[in-house]
Amino acid sequence: KDYKIKGGIYRVNHDLWRELDDLNQKHTIDWCWVKGHAGHQENERADALARKGVELVR
């Protein structure tokens, strides 16, 4: 996949997107967009876990 935009500049976090794409090939994943910070229970849980993960590496 092309992780570059015009001018040959890599997209933000292209290395992470490439890794995610590689992992995606090994598993069946259903992607579903939800509006952030709209009270969606699973999204709020994911947000809380992400914040907790950030705190662990600080």
Foldseek 3Di string as FASTA:
>chain_A
DDQADPPRHGDPPSVVVVVVVVVCVVDPDDDDDDDPPPPDVVNVVVVVVVVVVVVVVD
